[in-house]
Amino acid sequence: MQARQKIPWKIGNLFGVLGVLILGVLLWGAPLVAATDITNDFTDPSFLRAVRSEIQKSNGPIYDTDVAGIINLAVGYRNITSLNGIEHFTALEYLDCGVNQLTALDTSKNTALSELDCAGNQLTALDVSKNPMLTGLYCYSNQLRALDVSKNFALRDFDCEGNQLRALDVSKNPALEYLNCGGNQLTALDVSKNTALRDLDCEGNQLTALEVSKNPALREFFCNDNQLSALDVSKT
């Protein structure tokens, strides 16, 4: 039988080293997914400056990977007119964009959001149906005419004071502890499903009746400047 010819040890060793090097380059030498330049998505100069400050990048392109891991973002009091680009903050849990000049706000891509403060803007509509993790929503002092919080089952603190709401359904918010819906145009308010409610402010509406017998945890309660003819608080 003819003996099998062997590759000299040094040449075989060289091939092995080259293989390891090539594999290393493939695994570590380049990112698995290329970063995307999202600079132009920030159409508002004030918001762009705020984002650059947040990521400590005063110039050059902003990549989606620069903002994707940000959890908290506070950009209140910046004269911002648009939050275009906020959709790239996919890990965002806390957003404060209060007291700006926003007329629209899209948080549909911020599905991890647990607290949103957009008070003191010029919003006429707000969709939070894609934010099921919300525990705090502060949208007071806007121009909202309607607001649907039926998908926000975890909502605990809710302040929508000083809008133009004609109706408000909080029956799908069993965890609600704080509700301020004063200064709207509500003619009815049902809080019978909010048994954990501790603080309720519904003053300055057009309520003709209010039932709080299902709210035994209620400690602070303001309902002045309505059209109530009777109110039973014996169970609170």
Protein backbone atom coordinates (compact mmCIF):
# COMPACT_ATOMS: atom_id res chain seq x y z
CA MET A 1 0.00 0.00 0.00
CA GLN A 2 1.31 3.40 -0.96
CA ALA A 3 1.82 5.70 2.02
CA ARG A 4 -0.30 8.90 2.08
CA GLN A 5 1.82 11.97 1.45
CA LYS A 6 1.75 14.49 4.30
CA ILE A 7 1.96 18.28 3.99
CA PRO A 8 5.05 19.48 5.81
CA TRP A 9 4.24 20.71 9.33
CA LYS A 10 5.25 24.31 8.70
CA ILE A 11 3.05 24.68 5.60
CA GLY A 12 0.06 23.08 7.36
CA ASN A 13 0.53 25.32 10.34
CA LEU A 14 0.61 28.36 8.04
CA PHE A 15 -2.67 27.35 6.43
CA GLY A 16 -4.23 26.99 9.88
CA VAL A 17 -3.10 30.44 10.99
CA LEU A 18 -4.39 32.02 7.78
CA GLY A 19 -7.76 30.34 8.30
CA VAL A 20 -8.07 31.71 11.82
CA LEU A 21 -7.14 35.21 10.64
CA ILE A 22 -9.68 35.16 7.82
CA LEU A 23 -12.43 33.91 10.17
CA GLY A 24 -11.55 36.64 12.67
CA VAL A 25 -11.87 39.33 10.05
CA LEU A 26 -15.25 37.99 8.95
CA LEU A 27 -16.61 37.85 12.51
CA TRP A 28 -15.08 40.95 14.05
CA GLY A 29 -13.68 43.13 11.33
CA ALA A 30 -16.98 44.62 10.16
CA PRO A 31 -20.43 45.19 11.71
CA LEU A 32 -23.05 42.57 10.95
CA VAL A 33 -25.56 45.32 10.09
CA ALA A 34 -24.41 48.59 8.58
CA ALA A 35 -25.37 51.75 10.50
CA THR A 36 -27.78 54.12 8.76
CA ASP A 37 -27.24 57.87 8.56
CA ILE A 38 -30.42 59.45 9.99
CA THR A 39 -29.19 63.06 10.29
CA ASN A 40 -31.66 64.41 7.73
CA ASP A 41 -34.61 62.90 9.61
CA PHE A 42 -34.19 65.55 12.31
CA THR A 43 -35.91 68.35 10.43
CA ASP A 44 -36.11 70.73 13.38
CA PRO A 45 -32.79 72.49 14.10
CA SER A 46 -33.52 72.82 17.82
CA PHE A 47 -34.28 69.12 18.17
CA LEU A 48 -31.18 68.28 16.13
CA ARG A 49 -29.03 70.33 18.51
CA ALA A 50 -30.63 68.63 21.50
CA VAL A 51 -29.92 65.18 20.04
CA ARG A 52 -26.30 66.09 19.27
CA SER A 53 -25.91 67.25 22.85
CA GLU A 54 -27.45 64.02 24.14
CA ILE A 55 -25.09 61.79 22.16
CA GLN A 56 -22.14 64.18 22.59
CA LYS A 57 -21.57 64.51 18.86
CA SER A 58 -21.36 68.16 17.85
CA ASN A 59 -20.89 67.50 14.13
CA GLY A 60 -20.77 64.75 11.55
CA PRO A 61 -23.49 62.26 10.66
CA ILE A 62 -25.87 60.85 13.25
CA TYR A 63 -26.43 57.12 12.88
CA ASP A 64 -29.37 55.06 14.06
CA THR A 65 -26.98 53.18 16.33
CA ASP A 66 -26.15 56.48 18.09
CA VAL A 67 -29.69 56.84 19.44
CA ALA A 68 -31.17 53.33 19.42
CA GLY A 69 -30.04 52.58 22.98
CA ILE A 70 -31.13 55.86 24.60
CA ILE A 71 -33.66 55.26 27.40
CA ASN A 72 -34.29 58.77 28.75
CA LEU A 73 -34.66 61.94 26.67
CA ALA A 74 -35.52 65.37 28.07
CA VAL A 75 -35.96 68.08 25.43
CA GLY A 76 -38.45 70.42 27.10
CA TYR A 77 -38.29 74.22 26.80
CA ARG A 78 -36.31 74.17 23.51
CA ASN A 79 -38.72 75.92 21.08
CA ILE A 80 -38.96 72.69 19.13
CA THR A 81 -41.65 72.61 16.42
CA SER A 82 -41.15 69.01 15.27
CA LEU A 83 -39.90 65.78 16.85
CA ASN A 84 -39.27 64.12 13.50
CA GLY A 85 -36.54 61.56 14.10
CA ILE A 86 -37.92 60.40 17.47
CA GLU A 87 -38.92 57.15 15.74
CA HIS A 88 -35.27 56.04 15.82
CA PHE A 89 -35.22 56.07 19.65
CA THR A 90 -36.61 52.54 19.79
CA ALA A 91 -35.52 51.82 23.39
CA LEU A 92 -36.95 55.06 24.78
CA GLU A 93 -38.76 54.70 28.11
CA TYR A 94 -38.99 58.34 29.25
CA LEU A 95 -39.69 61.32 26.99
CA ASP A 96 -40.09 64.90 28.17
CA CYS A 97 -40.89 67.24 25.28
CA GLY A 98 -43.04 69.63 27.27
CA VAL A 99 -43.35 73.38 26.71
CA ASN A 100 -42.32 73.50 23.08
CA GLN A 101 -44.27 74.42 19.94
CA LEU A 102 -45.31 70.96 18.81
CA THR A 103 -48.48 70.65 16.75
CA ALA A 104 -48.03 66.90 16.18
CA LEU A 105 -46.32 64.03 17.97
CA ASP A 106 -45.81 60.48 16.71
CA THR A 107 -44.66 57.96 19.33
CA SER A 108 -45.84 54.87 17.46
CA LYS A 109 -42.29 53.49 17.16
CA ASN A 110 -41.46 54.13 20.82
CA THR A 111 -43.22 51.02 22.07
CA ALA A 112 -41.16 50.78 25.29
CA LEU A 113 -42.28 54.24 26.44
CA SER A 114 -43.44 54.23 30.06
CA GLU A 115 -43.62 57.98 30.73
CA LEU A 116 -44.55 60.75 28.31
CA ASP A 117 -44.66 64.45 29.15
CA CYS A 118 -45.83 66.55 26.21
CA ALA A 119 -47.61 69.23 28.24
CA GLY A 120 -47.63 72.86 27.17
CA ASN A 121 -47.59 72.41 23.42
CA GLN A 122 -50.16 73.00 20.67
CA LEU A 123 -51.25 69.42 20.08
CA THR A 124 -54.76 68.94 18.67
CA ALA A 125 -54.42 65.14 18.52
CA LEU A 126 -52.37 62.50 20.32
CA ASP A 127 -52.23 58.77 19.57
CA VAL A 128 -50.81 56.62 22.39
CA SER A 129 -52.34 53.34 21.24
CA LYS A 130 -48.89 51.96 20.34
CA ASN A 131 -47.53 52.71 23.84
CA PRO A 132 -49.00 49.92 25.99
CA MET A 133 -46.28 50.28 28.64
CA LEU A 134 -47.27 53.84 29.58
CA THR A 135 -47.62 54.38 33.32
CA GLY A 136 -47.48 58.18 33.22
CA LEU A 137 -49.08 60.49 30.64
CA TYR A 138 -48.90 64.25 31.06
CA CYS A 139 -50.52 66.08 28.15
CA TYR A 140 -52.12 69.02 29.93
CA SER A 141 -52.28 72.52 28.43
CA ASN A 142 -52.67 71.49 24.80
CA GLN A 143 -55.62 71.72 22.41
CA LEU A 144 -56.71 68.08 22.42
CA ARG A 145 -60.31 67.49 21.38
CA ALA A 146 -60.24 63.71 21.86
CA LEU A 147 -57.94 61.23 23.56
CA ASP A 148 -58.09 57.43 23.55
CA VAL A 149 -56.28 55.69 26.43
CA SER A 150 -58.08 52.34 26.10
CA LYS A 151 -54.84 50.54 25.12
CA ASN A 152 -52.89 51.90 28.08
CA PHE A 153 -53.82 49.31 30.70
CA ALA A 154 -50.82 50.10 32.92
CA LEU A 155 -51.58 53.84 33.13
CA ARG A 156 -51.16 55.05 36.70
CA ASP A 157 -50.76 58.85 36.47
CA PHE A 158 -52.82 60.77 33.90
CA ASP A 159 -53.01 64.54 33.57
CA CYS A 160 -54.99 65.96 30.64
CA GLU A 161 -56.07 69.22 32.27
CA GLY A 162 -56.67 72.30 30.15
CA ASN A 163 -57.60 70.78 26.82
CA GLN A 164 -60.86 70.71 24.85
CA LEU A 165 -62.01 67.19 25.66
CA ARG A 166 -65.74 66.57 25.44
CA ALA A 167 -65.50 62.93 26.53
CA LEU A 168 -63.01 60.78 28.41
CA ASP A 169 -63.12 57.00 28.88
CA VAL A 170 -60.86 55.65 31.64
CA SER A 171 -62.69 52.36 32.10
CA LYS A 172 -59.74 50.41 30.62
CA ASN A 173 -57.25 51.88 33.11
CA PRO A 174 -57.68 49.84 36.32
CA ALA A 175 -54.25 50.85 37.69
CA LEU A 176 -55.08 54.56 37.60
CA GLU A 177 -54.18 56.33 40.85
CA TYR A 178 -53.99 59.97 39.76
CA LEU A 179 -56.39 61.63 37.33
CA ASN A 180 -56.54 65.33 36.52
CA CYS A 181 -59.04 66.09 33.77
CA GLY A 182 -60.01 69.56 34.95
CA GLY A 183 -60.53 72.49 32.62
CA ASN A 184 -62.09 70.54 29.76
CA GLN A 185 -65.65 70.30 28.41
CA LEU A 186 -66.67 66.98 29.94
CA THR A 187 -70.37 66.39 30.51
CA ALA A 188 -69.89 62.92 32.05
CA LEU A 189 -67.12 61.01 33.81
CA ASP A 190 -67.22 57.36 34.89
CA VAL A 191 -64.52 56.34 37.39
CA SER A 192 -66.27 53.23 38.70
CA LYS A 193 -63.60 50.93 37.21
CA ASN A 194 -60.74 52.92 38.75
CA THR A 195 -60.84 51.39 42.21
CA ALA A 196 -57.19 52.29 42.92
CA LEU A 197 -57.84 56.00 42.33
CA ARG A 198 -56.32 58.20 45.06
CA ASP A 199 -56.39 61.67 43.51
CA LEU A 200 -59.15 63.03 41.27
CA ASP A 201 -59.40 66.55 39.88
CA CYS A 202 -62.32 67.14 37.52
CA GLU A 203 -63.04 70.77 38.31
CA GLY A 204 -64.01 73.25 35.62
CA ASN A 205 -66.08 70.94 33.41
CA GLN A 206 -69.81 70.58 32.71
CA LEU A 207 -70.53 67.53 34.86
CA THR A 208 -74.12 67.17 36.09
CA ALA A 209 -73.50 63.93 38.00
CA LEU A 210 -70.51 62.11 39.47
CA GLU A 211 -70.34 58.76 41.27
CA VAL A 212 -67.32 58.03 43.50
CA SER A 213 -68.71 55.20 45.62
CA LYS A 214 -66.43 52.70 43.86
CA ASN A 215 -63.30 54.66 44.78
CA PRO A 216 -62.56 53.76 48.41
CA ALA A 217 -58.88 54.80 48.12
CA LEU A 218 -59.78 58.38 47.15
CA ARG A 219 -57.90 60.92 49.28
CA GLU A 220 -57.86 64.16 47.26
CA PHE A 221 -60.91 65.17 45.29
CA PHE A 222 -61.66 68.43 43.46
CA CYS A 223 -64.92 68.85 41.53
CA ASN A 224 -65.79 72.53 41.86
CA ASP A 225 -67.00 74.65 38.92
CA ASN A 226 -69.27 72.00 37.47
CA GLN A 227 -73.07 71.66 37.37
CA LEU A 228 -73.42 69.08 40.13
CA SER A 229 -76.64 69.21 42.11
CA ALA A 230 -75.71 66.35 44.48
CA LEU A 231 -72.64 64.35 45.42
CA ASP A 232 -72.32 61.32 47.69
CA VAL A 233 -68.84 60.88 49.22
CA SER A 234 -69.86 58.61 52.09
CA LYS A 235 -67.98 55.63 50.65
CA THR A 236 -64.67 57.48 50.13
